[in-house]
Amino acid sequence: MKNFVQEGDILPLTAPYAVSAGGGAQVGTNIFGVAVKDLASGASGEFQVEGVFDLTALSTDTGSAGTIWYWDNTNKRVTTTSTSNLKIGVGTGTKASGDTTARVRLNAVFG
């Protein structure tokens, strides 16, 4: 194929704000990724857009395998609240109230 560019599970993007390696970021309106390394705001770097990650979560939210998780870009964490948040993936395990992380399989579909 002459038109193949890359696999697509890691994308080179511009960090919309400072993000630590392993931290999530919403890039533009419809892309969510996990930073491969620490990035300053406005820096170019790689973001993993597929895979399963333990991400900072709203401690009062609960979920199980199959729960839809959204990115709260204001608070920089995952939540089960869909209003004004970007759908990023589904849970692959149980998240109890009080837990500060959720295990999420990222959707590679944007929007």
PDB file of N, CA and C in Angstrom:
ATOM      1  N   MET A   1       0.826  -1.184   0.000  1.00  0.00           N
ATOM      2  CA  MET A   1       0.000   0.000   0.000  1.00  0.00           C
ATOM      3  C   MET A   1       0.870   1.247   0.000  1.00  0.00           C
ATOM      4  N   LYS A   2       0.652   2.081  -0.909  1.00  0.00           N
ATOM      5  CA  LYS A   2       1.407   3.324  -0.983  1.00  0.00           C
ATOM      6  C   LYS A   2       0.848   4.396  -0.063  1.00  0.00           C
ATOM      7  N   ASN A   3      -0.386   4.233   0.389  1.00  0.00           N
ATOM      8  CA  ASN A   3      -1.016   5.264   1.205  1.00  0.00           C
ATOM      9  C   ASN A   3      -0.929   5.004   2.717  1.00  0.00           C
ATOM     10  N   PHE A   4      -0.297   3.903   3.150  1.00  0.00           N
ATOM     11  CA  PHE A   4      -0.170   3.599   4.574  1.00  0.00           C
ATOM     12  C   PHE A   4       0.762   4.605   5.239  1.00  0.00           C
ATOM     13  N   VAL A   5       0.349   5.129   6.402  1.00  0.00           N
ATOM     14  CA  VAL A   5       1.147   6.121   7.113  1.00  0.00           C
ATOM     15  C   VAL A   5       1.727   5.557   8.402  1.00  0.00           C
ATOM     16  N   GLN A   6       0.899   4.949   9.243  1.00  0.00           N
ATOM     17  CA  GLN A   6       1.360   4.419  10.530  1.00  0.00           C
ATOM     18  C   GLN A   6       0.292   3.517  11.122  1.00  0.00           C
ATOM     19  N   GLU A   7       0.634   2.761  12.170  1.00  0.00           N
ATOM     20  CA  GLU A   7      -0.313   1.866  12.838  1.00  0.00           C
ATOM     21  C   GLU A   7      -1.487   2.630  13.438  1.00  0.00           C
ATOM     22  N   GLY A   8      -1.223   3.710  14.146  1.00  0.00           N
ATOM     23  CA  GLY A   8      -2.290   4.534  14.680  1.00  0.00           C
ATOM     24  C   GLY A   8      -2.588   4.361  16.156  1.00  0.00           C
ATOM     25  N   ASP A   9      -1.899   3.451  16.852  1.00  0.00           N
ATOM     26  CA  ASP A   9      -2.148   3.312  18.288  1.00  0.00           C
ATOM     27  C   ASP A   9      -1.392   4.365  19.091  1.00  0.00           C
ATOM     28  N   ILE A  10      -0.363   4.949  18.496  1.00  0.00           N
ATOM     29  CA  ILE A  10       0.350   6.074  19.082  1.00  0.00           C
ATOM     30  C   ILE A  10       0.341   7.205  18.055  1.00  0.00           C
ATOM     31  N   LEU A  11      -0.096   8.381  18.499  1.00  0.00           N
ATOM     32  CA  LEU A  11      -0.171   9.522  17.587  1.00  0.00           C
ATOM     33  C   LEU A  11       0.724  10.660  18.070  1.00  0.00           C
ATOM     34  N   PRO A  12       1.435  11.315  17.142  1.00  0.00           N
ATOM     35  CA  PRO A  12       2.175  12.512  17.514  1.00  0.00           C
ATOM     36  C   PRO A  12       1.194  13.684  17.576  1.00  0.00           C
ATOM     37  N   LEU A  13       1.071  14.299  18.757  1.00  0.00           N
ATOM     38  CA  LEU A  13       0.111  15.379  18.955  1.00  0.00           C
ATOM     39  C   LEU A  13       0.751  16.489  19.773  1.00  0.00           C
ATOM     40  N   THR A  14       0.084  17.624  19.827  1.00  0.00           N
ATOM     41  CA  THR A  14       0.532  18.745  20.646  1.00  0.00           C
ATOM     42  C   THR A  14      -0.231  18.720  21.964  1.00  0.00           C
ATOM     43  N   ALA A  15       0.503  18.741  23.063  1.00  0.00           N
ATOM     44  CA  ALA A  15      -0.122  18.715  24.393  1.00  0.00           C
ATOM     45  C   ALA A  15      -0.930  19.991  24.609  1.00  0.00           C
ATOM     46  N   PRO A  16      -2.205  19.844  24.980  1.00  0.00           N
ATOM     47  CA  PRO A  16      -3.038  21.030  25.189  1.00  0.00           C
ATOM     48  C   PRO A  16      -2.769  21.713  26.536  1.00  0.00           C
ATOM     49  N   TYR A  17      -2.086  21.006  27.406  1.00  0.00           N
ATOM     50  CA  TYR A  17      -1.693  21.502  28.727  1.00  0.00           C
ATOM     51  C   TYR A  17      -0.569  20.588  29.206  1.00  0.00           C
ATOM     52  N   ALA A  18       0.115  20.971  30.266  1.00  0.00           N
ATOM     53  CA  ALA A  18       1.189  20.125  30.790  1.00  0.00           C
ATOM     54  C   ALA A  18       0.595  18.793  31.229  1.00  0.00           C
ATOM     55  N   VAL A  19       1.231  17.714  30.834  1.00  0.00           N
ATOM     56  CA  VAL A  19       0.749  16.377  31.183  1.00  0.00           C
ATOM     57  C   VAL A  19       1.944  15.481  31.484  1.00  0.00           C
ATOM     58  N   SER A  20       1.833  14.717  32.558  1.00  0.00           N
ATOM     59  CA  SER A  20       2.895  13.794  32.951  1.00  0.00           C
ATOM     60  C   SER A  20       2.771  12.492  32.184  1.00  0.00           C
ATOM     61  N   ALA A  21       3.859  11.774  32.053  1.00  0.00           N
ATOM     62  CA  ALA A  21       3.838  10.449  31.422  1.00  0.00           C
ATOM     63  C   ALA A  21       2.791   9.600  32.129  1.00  0.00           C
ATOM     64  N   GLY A  22       1.926   8.978  31.346  1.00  0.00           N
ATOM     65  CA  GLY A  22       0.868   8.151  31.910  1.00  0.00           C
ATOM     66  C   GLY A  22      -0.400   8.921  32.215  1.00  0.00           C
ATOM     67  N   GLY A  23      -0.353  10.238  32.053  1.00  0.00           N
ATOM     68  CA  GLY A  23      -1.525  11.072  32.285  1.00  0.00           C
ATOM     69  C   GLY A  23      -2.359  11.225  31.035  1.00  0.00           C
ATOM     70  N   GLY A  24      -3.646  11.391  31.218  1.00  0.00           N
ATOM     71  CA  GLY A  24      -4.550  11.562  30.086  1.00  0.00           C
ATOM     72  C   GLY A  24      -4.645  13.004  29.652  1.00  0.00           C
ATOM     73  N   ALA A  25      -5.009  13.180  28.378  1.00  0.00           N
ATOM     74  CA  ALA A  25      -5.211  14.525  27.843  1.00  0.00           C
ATOM     75  C   ALA A  25      -6.214  14.476  26.706  1.00  0.00           C
ATOM     76  N   GLN A  26      -7.082  15.466  26.681  1.00  0.00           N
ATOM     77  CA  GLN A  26      -8.005  15.638  25.558  1.00  0.00           C
ATOM     78  C   GLN A  26      -7.352  16.611  24.600  1.00  0.00           C
ATOM     79  N   VAL A  27      -7.126  16.155  23.382  1.00  0.00           N
ATOM     80  CA  VAL A  27      -6.481  16.967  22.360  1.00  0.00           C
ATOM     81  C   VAL A  27      -7.542  17.359  21.346  1.00  0.00           C
ATOM     82  N   GLY A  28      -7.788  18.657  21.239  1.00  0.00           N
ATOM     83  CA  GLY A  28      -8.870  19.118  20.387  1.00  0.00           C
ATOM     84  C   GLY A  28     -10.210  18.714  20.993  1.00  0.00           C
ATOM     85  N   THR A  29     -11.189  18.543  20.140  1.00  0.00           N
ATOM     86  CA  THR A  29     -12.539  18.230  20.605  1.00  0.00           C
ATOM     87  C   THR A  29     -12.764  16.741  20.789  1.00  0.00           C
ATOM     88  N   ASN A  30     -12.110  15.893  19.974  1.00  0.00           N
ATOM     89  CA  ASN A  30     -12.493  14.490  19.922  1.00  0.00           C
ATOM     90  C   ASN A  30     -11.391  13.463  20.070  1.00  0.00           C
ATOM     91  N   ILE A  31     -10.180  13.868  20.420  1.00  0.00           N
ATOM     92  CA  ILE A  31      -9.101  12.892  20.580  1.00  0.00           C
ATOM     93  C   ILE A  31      -8.701  12.837  22.048  1.00  0.00           C
ATOM     94  N   PHE A  32      -8.584  11.627  22.579  1.00  0.00           N
ATOM     95  CA  PHE A  32      -8.075  11.427  23.929  1.00  0.00           C
ATOM     96  C   PHE A  32      -6.894  10.483  23.844  1.00  0.00           C
ATOM     97  N   GLY A  33      -5.849  10.799  24.587  1.00  0.00           N
ATOM     98  CA  GLY A  33      -4.694   9.916  24.617  1.00  0.00           C
ATOM     99  C   GLY A  33      -3.982   9.996  25.948  1.00  0.00           C
ATOM    100  N   VAL A  34      -3.092   9.044  26.152  1.00  0.00           N
ATOM    101  CA  VAL A  34      -2.263   8.984  27.353  1.00  0.00           C
ATOM    102  C   VAL A  34      -0.839   9.339  26.929  1.00  0.00           C
ATOM    103  N   ALA A  35      -0.279  10.334  27.595  1.00  0.00           N
ATOM    104  CA  ALA A  35       1.062  10.807  27.243  1.00  0.00           C
ATOM    105  C   ALA A  35       2.101   9.712  27.478  1.00  0.00           C
ATOM    106  N   VAL A  36       2.960   9.513  26.498  1.00  0.00           N
ATOM    107  CA  VAL A  36       4.025   8.520  26.601  1.00  0.00           C
ATOM    108  C   VAL A  36       5.146   9.034  27.512  1.00  0.00           C
ATOM    109  N   LYS A  37       5.380  10.359  27.518  1.00  0.00           N
ATOM    110  CA  LYS A  37       6.389  10.962  28.400  1.00  0.00           C
ATOM    111  C   LYS A  37       5.861  12.307  28.874  1.00  0.00           C
ATOM    112  N   ASP A  38       6.534  12.900  29.848  1.00  0.00           N
ATOM    113  CA  ASP A  38       6.140  14.215  30.347  1.00  0.00           C
ATOM    114  C   ASP A  38       6.188  15.223  29.214  1.00  0.00           C
ATOM    115  N   LEU A  39       5.144  16.054  29.134  1.00  0.00           N
ATOM    116  CA  LEU A  39       5.086  17.085  28.088  1.00  0.00           C
ATOM    117  C   LEU A  39       4.634  18.408  28.690  1.00  0.00           C
ATOM    118  N   ALA A  40       5.285  19.469  28.275  1.00  0.00           N
ATOM    119  CA  ALA A  40       4.860  20.810  28.660  1.00  0.00           C
ATOM    120  C   ALA A  40       3.694  21.222  27.766  1.00  0.00           C
ATOM    121  N   SER A  41       2.918  22.169  28.217  1.00  0.00           N
ATOM    122  CA  SER A  41       1.825  22.689  27.411  1.00  0.00           C
ATOM    123  C   SER A  41       2.369  23.211  26.081  1.00  0.00           C
ATOM    124  N   GLY A  42       1.778  22.772  24.987  1.00  0.00           N
ATOM    125  CA  GLY A  42       2.196  23.204  23.661  1.00  0.00           C
ATOM    126  C   GLY A  42       3.317  22.388  23.047  1.00  0.00           C
ATOM    127  N   ALA A  43       3.873  21.452  23.808  1.00  0.00           N
ATOM    128  CA  ALA A  43       4.958  20.612  23.293  1.00  0.00           C
ATOM    129  C   ALA A  43       4.395  19.471  22.446  1.00  0.00           C
ATOM    130  N   SER A  44       5.132  19.087  21.422  1.00  0.00           N
ATOM    131  CA  SER A  44       4.748  17.946  20.608  1.00  0.00           C
ATOM    132  C   SER A  44       5.253  16.679  21.268  1.00  0.00           C
ATOM    133  N   GLY A  45       4.452  15.641  21.211  1.00  0.00           N
ATOM    134  CA  GLY A  45       4.858  14.378  21.793  1.00  0.00           C
ATOM    135  C   GLY A  45       3.909  13.268  21.385  1.00  0.00           C
ATOM    136  N   GLU A  46       4.222  12.071  21.860  1.00  0.00           N
ATOM    137  CA  GLU A  46       3.417  10.908  21.502  1.00  0.00           C
ATOM    138  C   GLU A  46       2.360  10.638  22.557  1.00  0.00           C
ATOM    139  N   PHE A  47       1.166  10.288  22.054  1.00  0.00           N
ATOM    140  CA  PHE A  47       0.043   9.917  22.904  1.00  0.00           C
ATOM    141  C   PHE A  47      -0.473   8.554  22.472  1.00  0.00           C
ATOM    142  N   GLN A  48      -0.615   7.663  23.421  1.00  0.00           N
ATOM    143  CA  GLN A  48      -1.190   6.337  23.168  1.00  0.00           C
ATOM    144  C   GLN A  48      -2.705   6.513  23.132  1.00  0.00           C
ATOM    145  N   VAL A  49      -3.352   6.098  22.054  1.00  0.00           N
ATOM    146  CA  VAL A  49      -4.799   6.263  21.911  1.00  0.00           C
ATOM    147  C   VAL A  49      -5.544   4.932  21.952  1.00  0.00           C
ATOM    148  N   GLU A  50      -4.818   3.840  22.104  1.00  0.00           N
ATOM    149  CA  GLU A  50      -5.412   2.513  22.258  1.00  0.00           C
ATOM    150  C   GLU A  50      -4.704   1.809  23.404  1.00  0.00           C
ATOM    151  N   GLY A  51      -5.406   0.875  24.030  1.00  0.00           N
ATOM    152  CA  GLY A  51      -4.819   0.107  25.115  1.00  0.00           C
ATOM    153  C   GLY A  51      -5.634   0.240  26.385  1.00  0.00           C
ATOM    154  N   VAL A  52      -5.150  -0.408  27.442  1.00  0.00           N
ATOM    155  CA  VAL A  52      -5.832  -0.390  28.739  1.00  0.00           C
ATOM    156  C   VAL A  52      -4.929   0.333  29.731  1.00  0.00           C
ATOM    157  N   PHE A  53      -5.510   1.305  30.431  1.00  0.00           N
ATOM    158  CA  PHE A  53      -4.750   2.150  31.344  1.00  0.00           C
ATOM    159  C   PHE A  53      -5.487   2.335  32.655  1.00  0.00           C
ATOM    160  N   ASP A  54      -4.738   2.475  33.750  1.00  0.00           N
ATOM    161  CA  ASP A  54      -5.282   2.918  35.022  1.00  0.00           C
ATOM    162  C   ASP A  54      -5.192   4.440  35.010  1.00  0.00           C
ATOM    163  N   LEU A  55      -6.347   5.088  35.047  1.00  0.00           N
ATOM    164  CA  LEU A  55      -6.399   6.543  34.943  1.00  0.00           C
ATOM    165  C   LEU A  55      -7.033   7.144  36.190  1.00  0.00           C
ATOM    166  N   THR A  56      -6.581   8.335  36.547  1.00  0.00           N
ATOM    167  CA  THR A  56      -7.160   9.058  37.681  1.00  0.00           C
ATOM    168  C   THR A  56      -8.659   9.210  37.452  1.00  0.00           C
ATOM    169  N   ALA A  57      -9.432   8.931  38.510  1.00  0.00           N
ATOM    170  CA  ALA A  57     -10.888   8.936  38.386  1.00  0.00           C
ATOM    171  C   ALA A  57     -11.531   9.696  39.543  1.00  0.00           C
ATOM    172  N   LEU A  58     -12.744  10.155  39.321  1.00  0.00           N
ATOM    173  CA  LEU A  58     -13.552  10.753  40.372  1.00  0.00           C
ATOM    174  C   LEU A  58     -13.808   9.677  41.423  1.00  0.00           C
ATOM    175  N   SER A  59     -13.422   9.923  42.658  1.00  0.00           N
ATOM    176  CA  SER A  59     -13.456   8.881  43.688  1.00  0.00           C
ATOM    177  C   SER A  59     -14.860   8.380  43.998  1.00  0.00           C
ATOM    178  N   THR A  60     -15.878   9.181  43.786  1.00  0.00           N
ATOM    179  CA  THR A  60     -17.243   8.758  44.124  1.00  0.00           C
ATOM    180  C   THR A  60     -17.911   7.942  43.023  1.00  0.00           C
ATOM    181  N   ASP A  61     -17.333   7.918  41.836  1.00  0.00           N
ATOM    182  CA  ASP A  61     -17.899   7.106  40.752  1.00  0.00           C
ATOM    183  C   ASP A  61     -17.607   5.628  40.992  1.00  0.00           C
ATOM    184  N   THR A  62     -18.519   4.778  40.537  1.00  0.00           N
ATOM    185  CA  THR A  62     -18.313   3.332  40.610  1.00  0.00           C
ATOM    186  C   THR A  62     -18.500   2.753  39.220  1.00  0.00           C
ATOM    187  N   GLY A  63     -17.937   1.580  38.980  1.00  0.00           N
ATOM    188  CA  GLY A  63     -18.082   0.949  37.680  1.00  0.00           C
ATOM    189  C   GLY A  63     -17.610  -0.483  37.708  1.00  0.00           C
ATOM    190  N   SER A  64     -17.872  -1.163  36.612  1.00  0.00           N
ATOM    191  CA  SER A  64     -17.444  -2.547  36.442  1.00  0.00           C
ATOM    192  C   SER A  64     -17.049  -2.740  34.983  1.00  0.00           C
ATOM    193  N   ALA A  65     -16.705  -3.964  34.638  1.00  0.00           N
ATOM    194  CA  ALA A  65     -16.345  -4.243  33.246  1.00  0.00           C
ATOM    195  C   ALA A  65     -17.510  -3.828  32.347  1.00  0.00           C
ATOM    196  N   GLY A  66     -17.221  -3.024  31.353  1.00  0.00           N
ATOM    197  CA  GLY A  66     -18.236  -2.563  30.416  1.00  0.00           C
ATOM    198  C   GLY A  66     -18.799  -1.189  30.715  1.00  0.00           C
ATOM    199  N   THR A  67     -18.504  -0.636  31.901  1.00  0.00           N
ATOM    200  CA  THR A  67     -18.959   0.715  32.223  1.00  0.00           C
ATOM    201  C   THR A  67     -18.312   1.700  31.258  1.00  0.00           C
ATOM    202  N   ILE A  68     -19.090   2.625  30.735  1.00  0.00           N
ATOM    203  CA  ILE A  68     -18.552   3.656  29.840  1.00  0.00           C
ATOM    204  C   ILE A  68     -17.910   4.745  30.700  1.00  0.00           C
ATOM    205  N   TRP A  69     -16.683   5.104  30.332  1.00  0.00           N
ATOM    206  CA  TRP A  69     -15.943   6.157  31.031  1.00  0.00           C
ATOM    207  C   TRP A  69     -15.759   7.347  30.104  1.00  0.00           C
ATOM    208  N   TYR A  70     -15.817   8.534  30.704  1.00  0.00           N
ATOM    209  CA  TYR A  70     -15.707   9.812  29.998  1.00  0.00           C
ATOM    210  C   TYR A  70     -14.542  10.594  30.592  1.00  0.00           C
ATOM    211  N   TRP A  71     -13.977  11.515  29.791  1.00  0.00           N
ATOM    212  CA  TRP A  71     -12.891  12.357  30.272  1.00  0.00           C
ATOM    213  C   TRP A  71     -13.455  13.710  30.688  1.00  0.00           C
ATOM    214  N   ASP A  72     -13.247  14.061  31.953  1.00  0.00           N
ATOM    215  CA  ASP A  72     -13.607  15.363  32.503  1.00  0.00           C
ATOM    216  C   ASP A  72     -12.384  16.251  32.300  1.00  0.00           C
ATOM    217  N   ASN A  73     -12.401  17.035  31.239  1.00  0.00           N
ATOM    218  CA  ASN A  73     -11.219  17.820  30.868  1.00  0.00           C
ATOM    219  C   ASN A  73     -10.973  18.981  31.827  1.00  0.00           C
ATOM    220  N   THR A  74     -12.000  19.409  32.549  1.00  0.00           N
ATOM    221  CA  THR A  74     -11.824  20.477  33.537  1.00  0.00           C
ATOM    222  C   THR A  74     -11.005  19.981  34.714  1.00  0.00           C
ATOM    223  N   ASN A  75     -11.339  18.783  35.209  1.00  0.00           N
ATOM    224  CA  ASN A  75     -10.668  18.227  36.387  1.00  0.00           C
ATOM    225  C   ASN A  75      -9.580  17.217  36.043  1.00  0.00           C
ATOM    226  N   LYS A  76      -9.387  16.942  34.752  1.00  0.00           N
ATOM    227  CA  LYS A  76      -8.338  16.034  34.263  1.00  0.00           C
ATOM    228  C   LYS A  76      -8.432  14.651  34.906  1.00  0.00           C
ATOM    229  N   ARG A  77      -9.628  14.033  34.797  1.00  0.00           N
ATOM    230  CA  ARG A  77      -9.855  12.695  35.343  1.00  0.00           C
ATOM    231  C   ARG A  77     -11.025  12.042  34.619  1.00  0.00           C
ATOM    232  N   VAL A  78     -11.122  10.718  34.767  1.00  0.00           N
ATOM    233  CA  VAL A  78     -12.242  10.001  34.171  1.00  0.00           C
ATOM    234  C   VAL A  78     -13.437  10.027  35.123  1.00  0.00           C
ATOM    235  N   THR A  79     -14.607   9.903  34.524  1.00  0.00           N
ATOM    236  CA  THR A  79     -15.856   9.939  35.265  1.00  0.00           C
ATOM    237  C   THR A  79     -16.909   9.147  34.499  1.00  0.00           C
ATOM    238  N   THR A  80     -17.975   8.787  35.182  1.00  0.00           N
ATOM    239  CA  THR A  80     -19.106   8.146  34.508  1.00  0.00           C
ATOM    240  C   THR A  80     -20.122   9.178  34.052  1.00  0.00           C
ATOM    241  N   THR A  81     -19.878  10.446  34.333  1.00  0.00           N
ATOM    242  CA  THR A  81     -20.778  11.527  33.930  1.00  0.00           C
ATOM    243  C   THR A  81     -20.549  11.871  32.467  1.00  0.00           C
ATOM    244  N   SER A  82     -21.593  11.720  31.666  1.00  0.00           N
ATOM    245  CA  SER A  82     -21.452  11.962  30.228  1.00  0.00           C
ATOM    246  C   SER A  82     -21.593  13.435  29.850  1.00  0.00           C
ATOM    247  N   THR A  83     -22.379  14.184  30.589  1.00  0.00           N
ATOM    248  CA  THR A  83     -22.667  15.579  30.250  1.00  0.00           C
ATOM    249  C   THR A  83     -21.388  16.400  30.155  1.00  0.00           C
ATOM    250  N   SER A  84     -21.188  17.018  29.004  1.00  0.00           N
ATOM    251  CA  SER A  84     -20.041  17.900  28.732  1.00  0.00           C
ATOM    252  C   SER A  84     -18.687  17.204  28.773  1.00  0.00           C
ATOM    253  N   ASN A  85     -18.672  15.860  28.724  1.00  0.00           N
ATOM    254  CA  ASN A  85     -17.413  15.115  28.775  1.00  0.00           C
ATOM    255  C   ASN A  85     -17.265  14.215  27.551  1.00  0.00           C
ATOM    256  N   LEU A  86     -16.034  13.908  27.186  1.00  0.00           N
ATOM    257  CA  LEU A  86     -15.713  13.092  26.010  1.00  0.00           C
ATOM    258  C   LEU A  86     -15.683  11.611  26.382  1.00  0.00           C
ATOM    259  N   LYS A  87     -16.447  10.794  25.660  1.00  0.00           N
ATOM    260  CA  LYS A  87     -16.414   9.344  25.884  1.00  0.00           C
ATOM    261  C   LYS A  87     -15.061   8.829  25.420  1.00  0.00           C
ATOM    262  N   ILE A  88     -14.343   8.121  26.338  1.00  0.00           N
ATOM    263  CA  ILE A  88     -12.996   7.660  25.985  1.00  0.00           C
ATOM    264  C   ILE A  88     -12.843   6.150  25.964  1.00  0.00           C
ATOM    265  N   GLY A  89     -13.758   5.409  26.598  1.00  0.00           N
ATOM    266  CA  GLY A  89     -13.600   3.967  26.598  1.00  0.00           C
ATOM    267  C   GLY A  89     -14.505   3.268  27.585  1.00  0.00           C
ATOM    268  N   VAL A  90     -14.171   2.006  27.850  1.00  0.00           N
ATOM    269  CA  VAL A  90     -14.975   1.187  28.762  1.00  0.00           C
ATOM    270  C   VAL A  90     -14.095   0.589  29.849  1.00  0.00           C
ATOM    271  N   GLY A  91     -14.715   0.358  30.999  1.00  0.00           N
ATOM    272  CA  GLY A  91     -14.017  -0.261  32.108  1.00  0.00           C
ATOM    273  C   GLY A  91     -13.712  -1.717  31.812  1.00  0.00           C
ATOM    274  N   THR A  92     -12.594  -2.189  32.364  1.00  0.00           N
ATOM    275  CA  THR A  92     -12.238  -3.604  32.226  1.00  0.00           C
ATOM    276  C   THR A  92     -12.183  -4.295  33.577  1.00  0.00           C
ATOM    277  N   GLY A  93     -12.533  -3.572  34.617  1.00  0.00           N
ATOM    278  CA  GLY A  93     -12.527  -4.132  35.964  1.00  0.00           C
ATOM    279  C   GLY A  93     -13.476  -3.349  36.841  1.00  0.00           C
ATOM    280  N   THR A  94     -13.454  -3.642  38.131  1.00  0.00           N
ATOM    281  CA  THR A  94     -14.337  -2.986  39.079  1.00  0.00           C
ATOM    282  C   THR A  94     -13.666  -1.757  39.682  1.00  0.00           C
ATOM    283  N   LYS A  95     -14.427  -0.674  39.777  1.00  0.00           N
ATOM    284  CA  LYS A  95     -13.987   0.525  40.478  1.00  0.00           C
ATOM    285  C   LYS A  95     -15.007   0.806  41.573  1.00  0.00           C
ATOM    286  N   ALA A  96     -14.569   0.731  42.800  1.00  0.00           N
ATOM    287  CA  ALA A  96     -15.446   0.963  43.944  1.00  0.00           C
ATOM    288  C   ALA A  96     -15.400   2.434  44.354  1.00  0.00           C
ATOM    289  N   SER A  97     -16.432   2.879  45.054  1.00  0.00           N
ATOM    290  CA  SER A  97     -16.438   4.228  45.606  1.00  0.00           C
ATOM    291  C   SER A  97     -15.236   4.364  46.532  1.00  0.00           C
ATOM    292  N   GLY A  98     -14.518   5.459  46.388  1.00  0.00           N
ATOM    293  CA  GLY A  98     -13.299   5.678  47.167  1.00  0.00           C
ATOM    294  C   GLY A  98     -12.034   5.397  46.381  1.00  0.00           C
ATOM    295  N   ASP A  99     -12.119   4.535  45.360  1.00  0.00           N
ATOM    296  CA  ASP A  99     -10.961   4.290  44.497  1.00  0.00           C
ATOM    297  C   ASP A  99     -10.661   5.558  43.708  1.00  0.00           C
ATOM    298  N   THR A 100      -9.389   5.857  43.526  1.00  0.00           N
ATOM    299  CA  THR A 100      -9.013   7.077  42.803  1.00  0.00           C
ATOM    300  C   THR A 100      -8.520   6.802  41.384  1.00  0.00           C
ATOM    301  N   THR A 101      -8.587   5.538  40.959  1.00  0.00           N
ATOM    302  CA  THR A 101      -8.258   5.202  39.575  1.00  0.00           C
ATOM    303  C   THR A 101      -9.305   4.242  39.027  1.00  0.00           C
ATOM    304  N   ALA A 102      -9.432   4.252  37.716  1.00  0.00           N
ATOM    305  CA  ALA A 102     -10.302   3.310  37.007  1.00  0.00           C
ATOM    306  C   ALA A 102      -9.486   2.689  35.883  1.00  0.00           C
ATOM    307  N   ARG A 103      -9.681   1.401  35.645  1.00  0.00           N
ATOM    308  CA  ARG A 103      -8.997   0.707  34.549  1.00  0.00           C
ATOM    309  C   ARG A 103      -9.873   0.818  33.319  1.00  0.00           C
ATOM    310  N   VAL A 104      -9.344   1.493  32.284  1.00  0.00           N
ATOM    311  CA  VAL A 104     -10.133   1.840  31.102  1.00  0.00           C
ATOM    312  C   VAL A 104      -9.449   1.340  29.836  1.00  0.00           C
ATOM    313  N   ARG A 105     -10.246   0.678  28.982  1.00  0.00           N
ATOM    314  CA  ARG A 105      -9.779   0.327  27.638  1.00  0.00           C
ATOM    315  C   ARG A 105     -10.176   1.490  26.735  1.00  0.00           C
ATOM    316  N   LEU A 106      -9.187   2.174  26.193  1.00  0.00           N
ATOM    317  CA  LEU A 106      -9.464   3.346  25.362  1.00  0.00           C
ATOM    318  C   LEU A 106     -10.118   2.941  24.053  1.00  0.00           C
ATOM    319  N   ASN A 107     -11.087   3.741  23.638  1.00  0.00           N
ATOM    320  CA  ASN A 107     -11.676   3.591  22.307  1.00  0.00           C
ATOM    321  C   ASN A 107     -10.762   4.283  21.320  1.00  0.00           C
ATOM    322  N   ALA A 108     -10.492   3.656  20.224  1.00  0.00           N
ATOM    323  CA  ALA A 108      -9.685   4.293  19.193  1.00  0.00           C
ATOM    324  C   ALA A 108     -10.561   5.113  18.262  1.00  0.00           C
ATOM    325  N   VAL A 109     -11.871   5.026  18.444  1.00  0.00           N
ATOM    326  CA  VAL A 109     -12.812   5.800  17.630  1.00  0.00           C
ATOM    327  C   VAL A 109     -12.974   7.163  18.280  1.00  0.00           C
ATOM    328  N   PHE A 110     -12.801   8.201  17.520  1.00  0.00           N
ATOM    329  CA  PHE A 110     -12.884   9.542  18.056  1.00  0.00           C
ATOM    330  C   PHE A 110     -14.241  10.140  17.749  1.00  0.00           C
ATOM    331  N   GLY A 111     -14.702  10.950  18.682  1.00  0.00           N
ATOM    332  CA  GLY A 111     -15.960  11.668  18.494  1.00  0.00           C
ATOM    333  C   GLY A 111     -17.139  10.968  19.071  1.00  0.00           C
TER     334      GLY A 111
END
